[in-house]
Amino acid sequence: MQQSNQVFLFPLNISYEDFLPYYRGQVTKVEVVDSTGRTLWISARHFRPFFTRSGIKAYFKMVVDAQGNLIQLNRV
């Protein structure tokens, strides 16, 4: 029996300066709290495409498979 994908919704608001260590690979995981209160640790590399001079200020939808592998990460 195949398990279904899991969907997580969460905000991320991090300044340019605060995200630099993640962008440079000095810190590898970003801690977020999803809309149901669950704490998630997500590889910082997944957020690099969303990184701007303003930092990252967005609400995200993340889909992972039954093994916890990232399928999709989008701004919503």
PDB file of N, CA and C in Angstrom:
ATOM      1  N   MET A   1       0.840  -1.185   0.000  1.00  0.00           N
ATOM      2  CA  MET A   1       0.000   0.000   0.000  1.00  0.00           C
ATOM      3  C   MET A   1       0.884   1.249   0.000  1.00  0.00           C
ATOM      4  N   GLN A   2       0.608   2.173  -0.913  1.00  0.00           N
ATOM      5  CA  GLN A   2       1.410   3.374  -1.050  1.00  0.00           C
ATOM      6  C   GLN A   2       0.823   4.489  -0.190  1.00  0.00           C
ATOM      7  N   GLN A   3       1.691   5.156   0.565  1.00  0.00           N
ATOM      8  CA  GLN A   3       1.244   6.278   1.374  1.00  0.00           C
ATOM      9  C   GLN A   3       1.198   7.527   0.515  1.00  0.00           C
ATOM     10  N   SER A   4       0.337   8.450   0.895  1.00  0.00           N
ATOM     11  CA  SER A   4       0.187   9.677   0.109  1.00  0.00           C
ATOM     12  C   SER A   4       1.224  10.724   0.507  1.00  0.00           C
ATOM     13  N   ASN A   5       1.327  11.720  -0.337  1.00  0.00           N
ATOM     14  CA  ASN A   5       2.223  12.837  -0.076  1.00  0.00           C
ATOM     15  C   ASN A   5       1.691  13.671   1.076  1.00  0.00           C
ATOM     16  N   GLN A   6       2.596  14.386   1.734  1.00  0.00           N
ATOM     17  CA  GLN A   6       2.204  15.303   2.800  1.00  0.00           C
ATOM     18  C   GLN A   6       2.399  16.724   2.305  1.00  0.00           C
ATOM     19  N   VAL A   7       1.496  17.617   2.707  1.00  0.00           N
ATOM     20  CA  VAL A   7       1.554  19.021   2.328  1.00  0.00           C
ATOM     21  C   VAL A   7       1.730  19.853   3.593  1.00  0.00           C
ATOM     22  N   PHE A   8       2.662  20.785   3.540  1.00  0.00           N
ATOM     23  CA  PHE A   8       2.925  21.689   4.653  1.00  0.00           C
ATOM     24  C   PHE A   8       2.813  23.120   4.150  1.00  0.00           C
ATOM     25  N   LEU A   9       2.164  23.973   4.922  1.00  0.00           N
ATOM     26  CA  LEU A   9       2.050  25.397   4.620  1.00  0.00           C
ATOM     27  C   LEU A   9       2.718  26.170   5.748  1.00  0.00           C
ATOM     28  N   PHE A  10       3.560  27.146   5.389  1.00  0.00           N
ATOM     29  CA  PHE A  10       4.262  27.897   6.423  1.00  0.00           C
ATOM     30  C   PHE A  10       4.763  29.236   5.886  1.00  0.00           C
ATOM     31  N   PRO A  11       4.875  30.222   6.781  1.00  0.00           N
ATOM     32  CA  PRO A  11       5.482  31.491   6.402  1.00  0.00           C
ATOM     33  C   PRO A  11       6.989  31.443   6.660  1.00  0.00           C
ATOM     34  N   LEU A  12       7.722  32.225   5.900  1.00  0.00           N
ATOM     35  CA  LEU A  12       9.146  32.411   6.166  1.00  0.00           C
ATOM     36  C   LEU A  12       9.455  33.879   5.972  1.00  0.00           C
ATOM     37  N   ASN A  13       9.983  34.490   7.008  1.00  0.00           N
ATOM     38  CA  ASN A  13      10.331  35.902   6.973  1.00  0.00           C
ATOM     39  C   ASN A  13      11.728  36.024   7.566  1.00  0.00           C
ATOM     40  N   ILE A  14      12.719  36.122   6.695  1.00  0.00           N
ATOM     41  CA  ILE A  14      14.096  36.179   7.145  1.00  0.00           C
ATOM     42  C   ILE A  14      14.824  37.254   6.340  1.00  0.00           C
ATOM     43  N   SER A  15      15.560  38.096   7.011  1.00  0.00           N
ATOM     44  CA  SER A  15      16.240  39.203   6.344  1.00  0.00           C
ATOM     45  C   SER A  15      17.407  38.706   5.496  1.00  0.00           C
ATOM     46  N   TYR A  16      17.864  39.552   4.616  1.00  0.00           N
ATOM     47  CA  TYR A  16      19.024  39.256   3.763  1.00  0.00           C
ATOM     48  C   TYR A  16      20.225  38.862   4.619  1.00  0.00           C
ATOM     49  N   GLU A  17      20.521  39.674   5.629  1.00  0.00           N
ATOM     50  CA  GLU A  17      21.674  39.426   6.485  1.00  0.00           C
ATOM     51  C   GLU A  17      21.549  38.117   7.264  1.00  0.00           C
ATOM     52  N   ASP A  18      20.349  37.833   7.742  1.00  0.00           N
ATOM     53  CA  ASP A  18      20.141  36.612   8.518  1.00  0.00           C
ATOM     54  C   ASP A  18      20.203  35.353   7.648  1.00  0.00           C
ATOM     55  N   PHE A  19      19.878  35.476   6.351  1.00  0.00           N
ATOM     56  CA  PHE A  19      19.900  34.301   5.491  1.00  0.00           C
ATOM     57  C   PHE A  19      21.278  34.032   4.891  1.00  0.00           C
ATOM     58  N   LEU A  20      22.181  35.002   4.898  1.00  0.00           N
ATOM     59  CA  LEU A  20      23.498  34.813   4.285  1.00  0.00           C
ATOM     60  C   LEU A  20      24.225  33.552   4.762  1.00  0.00           C
ATOM     61  N   PRO A  21      24.275  33.237   6.059  1.00  0.00           N
ATOM     62  CA  PRO A  21      24.953  31.997   6.471  1.00  0.00           C
ATOM     63  C   PRO A  21      24.330  30.738   5.858  1.00  0.00           C
ATOM     64  N   TYR A  22      23.021  30.756   5.644  1.00  0.00           N
ATOM     65  CA  TYR A  22      22.348  29.629   4.995  1.00  0.00           C
ATOM     66  C   TYR A  22      22.744  29.573   3.527  1.00  0.00           C
ATOM     67  N   TYR A  23      22.733  30.737   2.873  1.00  0.00           N
ATOM     68  CA  TYR A  23      23.055  30.814   1.451  1.00  0.00           C
ATOM     69  C   TYR A  23      24.486  30.348   1.188  1.00  0.00           C
ATOM     70  N   ARG A  24      25.380  30.698   2.083  1.00  0.00           N
ATOM     71  CA  ARG A  24      26.793  30.330   1.933  1.00  0.00           C
ATOM     72  C   ARG A  24      27.085  28.891   2.339  1.00  0.00           C
ATOM     73  N   GLY A  25      26.103  28.192   2.898  1.00  0.00           N
ATOM     74  CA  GLY A  25      26.293  26.802   3.296  1.00  0.00           C
ATOM     75  C   GLY A  25      26.874  26.639   4.690  1.00  0.00           C
ATOM     76  N   GLN A  26      27.016  27.740   5.422  1.00  0.00           N
ATOM     77  CA  GLN A  26      27.544  27.677   6.790  1.00  0.00           C
ATOM     78  C   GLN A  26      26.519  27.071   7.746  1.00  0.00           C
ATOM     79  N   VAL A  27      25.254  27.254   7.427  1.00  0.00           N
ATOM     80  CA  VAL A  27      24.143  26.652   8.169  1.00  0.00           C
ATOM     81  C   VAL A  27      23.326  25.897   7.131  1.00  0.00           C
ATOM     82  N   THR A  28      22.963  24.650   7.422  1.00  0.00           N
ATOM     83  CA  THR A  28      22.349  23.826   6.384  1.00  0.00           C
ATOM     84  C   THR A  28      20.837  23.663   6.485  1.00  0.00           C
ATOM     85  N   LYS A  29      20.263  23.897   7.645  1.00  0.00           N
ATOM     86  CA  LYS A  29      18.820  23.671   7.817  1.00  0.00           C
ATOM     87  C   LYS A  29      18.121  24.943   8.283  1.00  0.00           C
ATOM     88  N   VAL A  30      16.935  25.160   7.742  1.00  0.00           N
ATOM     89  CA  VAL A  30      16.074  26.265   8.149  1.00  0.00           C
ATOM     90  C   VAL A  30      14.945  25.676   8.986  1.00  0.00           C
ATOM     91  N   GLU A  31      14.716  26.236  10.150  1.00  0.00           N
ATOM     92  CA  GLU A  31      13.622  25.783  11.013  1.00  0.00           C
ATOM     93  C   GLU A  31      12.405  26.659  10.760  1.00  0.00           C
ATOM     94  N   VAL A  32      11.282  26.015  10.450  1.00  0.00           N
ATOM     95  CA  VAL A  32      10.027  26.737  10.256  1.00  0.00           C
ATOM     96  C   VAL A  32       8.938  26.034  11.058  1.00  0.00           C
ATOM     97  N   VAL A  33       7.875  26.758  11.324  1.00  0.00           N
ATOM     98  CA  VAL A  33       6.696  26.186  11.985  1.00  0.00           C
ATOM     99  C   VAL A  33       5.548  26.278  11.000  1.00  0.00           C
ATOM    100  N   ASP A  34       4.941  25.126  10.693  1.00  0.00           N
ATOM    101  CA  ASP A  34       3.869  25.119   9.703  1.00  0.00           C
ATOM    102  C   ASP A  34       2.555  25.603  10.311  1.00  0.00           C
ATOM    103  N   SER A  35       1.536  25.673   9.463  1.00  0.00           N
ATOM    104  CA  SER A  35       0.246  26.241   9.871  1.00  0.00           C
ATOM    105  C   SER A  35      -0.464  25.452  10.964  1.00  0.00           C
ATOM    106  N   THR A  36      -0.037  24.198  11.211  1.00  0.00           N
ATOM    107  CA  THR A  36      -0.650  23.409  12.278  1.00  0.00           C
ATOM    108  C   THR A  36       0.212  23.366  13.535  1.00  0.00           C
ATOM    109  N   GLY A  37       1.340  24.086  13.524  1.00  0.00           N
ATOM    110  CA  GLY A  37       2.204  24.140  14.694  1.00  0.00           C
ATOM    111  C   GLY A  37       3.353  23.150  14.689  1.00  0.00           C
ATOM    112  N   ARG A  38       3.478  22.368  13.613  1.00  0.00           N
ATOM    113  CA  ARG A  38       4.585  21.406  13.526  1.00  0.00           C
ATOM    114  C   ARG A  38       5.884  22.131  13.173  1.00  0.00           C
ATOM    115  N   THR A  39       6.962  21.752  13.843  1.00  0.00           N
ATOM    116  CA  THR A  39       8.281  22.300  13.535  1.00  0.00           C
ATOM    117  C   THR A  39       8.931  21.443  12.465  1.00  0.00           C
ATOM    118  N   LEU A  40       9.417  22.104  11.414  1.00  0.00           N
ATOM    119  CA  LEU A  40      10.056  21.422  10.298  1.00  0.00           C
ATOM    120  C   LEU A  40      11.479  21.932  10.128  1.00  0.00           C
ATOM    121  N   TRP A  41      12.386  21.050   9.777  1.00  0.00           N
ATOM    122  CA  TRP A  41      13.761  21.409   9.442  1.00  0.00           C
ATOM    123  C   TRP A  41      13.940  21.119   7.959  1.00  0.00           C
ATOM    124  N   ILE A  42      14.170  22.174   7.182  1.00  0.00           N
ATOM    125  CA  ILE A  42      14.234  22.056   5.728  1.00  0.00           C
ATOM    126  C   ILE A  42      15.612  22.501   5.254  1.00  0.00           C
ATOM    127  N   SER A  43      16.176  21.753   4.330  1.00  0.00           N
ATOM    128  CA  SER A  43      17.479  22.112   3.782  1.00  0.00           C
ATOM    129  C   SER A  43      17.431  23.530   3.211  1.00  0.00           C
ATOM    130  N   ALA A  44      18.379  24.349   3.616  1.00  0.00           N
ATOM    131  CA  ALA A  44      18.421  25.748   3.194  1.00  0.00           C
ATOM    132  C   ALA A  44      18.581  25.887   1.686  1.00  0.00           C
ATOM    133  N   ARG A  45      19.182  24.912   1.047  1.00  0.00           N
ATOM    134  CA  ARG A  45      19.403  25.006  -0.406  1.00  0.00           C
ATOM    135  C   ARG A  45      18.094  25.129  -1.176  1.00  0.00           C
ATOM    136  N   HIS A  46      17.004  24.612  -0.612  1.00  0.00           N
ATOM    137  CA  HIS A  46      15.711  24.697  -1.286  1.00  0.00           C
ATOM    138  C   HIS A  46      15.171  26.130  -1.335  1.00  0.00           C
ATOM    139  N   PHE A  47      15.666  26.981  -0.442  1.00  0.00           N
ATOM    140  CA  PHE A  47      15.172  28.362  -0.394  1.00  0.00           C
ATOM    141  C   PHE A  47      16.029  29.333  -1.203  1.00  0.00           C
ATOM    142  N   ARG A  48      17.162  28.896  -1.701  1.00  0.00           N
ATOM    143  CA  ARG A  48      18.049  29.786  -2.472  1.00  0.00           C
ATOM    144  C   ARG A  48      17.352  30.467  -3.649  1.00  0.00           C
ATOM    145  N   PRO A  49      16.478  29.781  -4.397  1.00  0.00           N
ATOM    146  CA  PRO A  49      15.812  30.472  -5.517  1.00  0.00           C
ATOM    147  C   PRO A  49      14.902  31.625  -5.083  1.00  0.00           C
ATOM    148  N   PHE A  50      14.519  31.653  -3.830  1.00  0.00           N
ATOM    149  CA  PHE A  50      13.604  32.676  -3.332  1.00  0.00           C
ATOM    150  C   PHE A  50      14.339  33.829  -2.637  1.00  0.00           C
ATOM    151  N   PHE A  51      15.643  33.741  -2.547  1.00  0.00           N
ATOM    152  CA  PHE A  51      16.475  34.698  -1.820  1.00  0.00           C
ATOM    153  C   PHE A  51      16.688  35.956  -2.655  1.00  0.00           C
ATOM    154  N   THR A  52      16.340  37.113  -2.101  1.00  0.00           N
ATOM    155  CA  THR A  52      16.512  38.398  -2.781  1.00  0.00           C
ATOM    156  C   THR A  52      17.251  39.363  -1.862  1.00  0.00           C
ATOM    157  N   ARG A  53      17.474  40.552  -2.332  1.00  0.00           N
ATOM    158  CA  ARG A  53      18.117  41.600  -1.516  1.00  0.00           C
ATOM    159  C   ARG A  53      17.285  41.953  -0.284  1.00  0.00           C
ATOM    160  N   SER A  54      16.015  41.628  -0.319  1.00  0.00           N
ATOM    161  CA  SER A  54      15.133  41.860   0.834  1.00  0.00           C
ATOM    162  C   SER A  54      15.102  40.662   1.765  1.00  0.00           C
ATOM    163  N   GLY A  55      15.778  39.588   1.415  1.00  0.00           N
ATOM    164  CA  GLY A  55      15.726  38.353   2.186  1.00  0.00           C
ATOM    165  C   GLY A  55      14.677  37.433   1.601  1.00  0.00           C
ATOM    166  N   ILE A  56      13.977  36.730   2.471  1.00  0.00           N
ATOM    167  CA  ILE A  56      12.880  35.865   2.034  1.00  0.00           C
ATOM    168  C   ILE A  56      11.669  36.209   2.880  1.00  0.00           C
ATOM    169  N   LYS A  57      10.634  36.688   2.230  1.00  0.00           N
ATOM    170  CA  LYS A  57       9.390  37.048   2.911  1.00  0.00           C
ATOM    171  C   LYS A  57       8.249  36.495   2.084  1.00  0.00           C
ATOM    172  N   ALA A  58       7.785  35.302   2.460  1.00  0.00           N
ATOM    173  CA  ALA A  58       6.740  34.654   1.667  1.00  0.00           C
ATOM    174  C   ALA A  58       6.046  33.577   2.486  1.00  0.00           C
ATOM    175  N   TYR A  59       4.917  33.134   1.965  1.00  0.00           N
ATOM    176  CA  TYR A  59       4.191  31.994   2.504  1.00  0.00           C
ATOM    177  C   TYR A  59       4.425  30.856   1.525  1.00  0.00           C
ATOM    178  N   PHE A  60       4.790  29.678   2.028  1.00  0.00           N
ATOM    179  CA  PHE A  60       5.185  28.571   1.177  1.00  0.00           C
ATOM    180  C   PHE A  60       4.265  27.365   1.330  1.00  0.00           C
ATOM    181  N   LYS A  61       4.208  26.599   0.252  1.00  0.00           N
ATOM    182  CA  LYS A  61       3.567  25.287   0.248  1.00  0.00           C
ATOM    183  C   LYS A  61       4.652  24.284  -0.127  1.00  0.00           C
ATOM    184  N   MET A  62       4.842  23.297   0.741  1.00  0.00           N
ATOM    185  CA  MET A  62       5.843  22.263   0.496  1.00  0.00           C
ATOM    186  C   MET A  62       5.148  20.910   0.446  1.00  0.00           C
ATOM    187  N   VAL A  63       5.502  20.116  -0.563  1.00  0.00           N
ATOM    188  CA  VAL A  63       4.953  18.771  -0.711  1.00  0.00           C
ATOM    189  C   VAL A  63       6.120  17.795  -0.610  1.00  0.00           C
ATOM    190  N   VAL A  64       5.969  16.795   0.256  1.00  0.00           N
ATOM    191  CA  VAL A  64       6.985  15.749   0.400  1.00  0.00           C
ATOM    192  C   VAL A  64       6.322  14.393   0.202  1.00  0.00           C
ATOM    193  N   ASP A  65       7.130  13.420  -0.236  1.00  0.00           N
ATOM    194  CA  ASP A  65       6.593  12.070  -0.407  1.00  0.00           C
ATOM    195  C   ASP A  65       6.597  11.338   0.932  1.00  0.00           C
ATOM    196  N   ALA A  66       6.172  10.097   0.925  1.00  0.00           N
ATOM    197  CA  ALA A  66       6.047   9.309   2.156  1.00  0.00           C
ATOM    198  C   ALA A  66       7.384   9.113   2.865  1.00  0.00           C
ATOM    199  N   GLN A  67       8.490   9.207   2.117  1.00  0.00           N
ATOM    200  CA  GLN A  67       9.817   9.049   2.716  1.00  0.00           C
ATOM    201  C   GLN A  67      10.405  10.390   3.182  1.00  0.00           C
ATOM    202  N   GLY A  68       9.673  11.484   2.968  1.00  0.00           N
ATOM    203  CA  GLY A  68      10.133  12.797   3.393  1.00  0.00           C
ATOM    204  C   GLY A  68      10.959  13.529   2.348  1.00  0.00           C
ATOM    205  N   ASN A  69      10.992  13.012   1.125  1.00  0.00           N
ATOM    206  CA  ASN A  69      11.734  13.670   0.046  1.00  0.00           C
ATOM    207  C   ASN A  69      10.913  14.807  -0.540  1.00  0.00           C
ATOM    208  N   LEU A  70      11.559  15.930  -0.761  1.00  0.00           N
ATOM    209  CA  LEU A  70      10.882  17.096  -1.312  1.00  0.00           C
ATOM    210  C   LEU A  70      10.417  16.828  -2.741  1.00  0.00           C
ATOM    211  N   ILE A  71       9.149  17.110  -2.984  1.00  0.00           N
ATOM    212  CA  ILE A  71       8.587  17.000  -4.319  1.00  0.00           C
ATOM    213  C   ILE A  71       8.411  18.401  -4.908  1.00  0.00           C
ATOM    214  N   GLN A  72       7.947  19.331  -4.056  1.00  0.00           N
ATOM    215  CA  GLN A  72       7.625  20.657  -4.547  1.00  0.00           C
ATOM    216  C   GLN A  72       7.727  21.674  -3.420  1.00  0.00           C
ATOM    217  N   LEU A  73       8.257  22.854  -3.737  1.00  0.00           N
ATOM    218  CA  LEU A  73       8.278  23.986  -2.804  1.00  0.00           C
ATOM    219  C   LEU A  73       7.962  25.227  -3.610  1.00  0.00           C
ATOM    220  N   ASN A  74       6.822  25.856  -3.297  1.00  0.00           N
ATOM    221  CA  ASN A  74       6.370  27.043  -4.029  1.00  0.00           C
ATOM    222  C   ASN A  74       5.894  28.104  -3.076  1.00  0.00           C
ATOM    223  N   ARG A  75       6.002  29.346  -3.528  1.00  0.00           N
ATOM    224  CA  ARG A  75       5.330  30.456  -2.830  1.00  0.00           C
ATOM    225  C   ARG A  75       3.853  30.363  -3.152  1.00  0.00           C
ATOM    226  N   VAL A  76       3.028  30.699  -2.152  1.00  0.00           N
ATOM    227  CA  VAL A  76       1.579  30.712  -2.396  1.00  0.00           C
ATOM    228  C   VAL A  76       1.017  32.083  -2.107  1.00  0.00           C
TER     229      VAL A  76
END
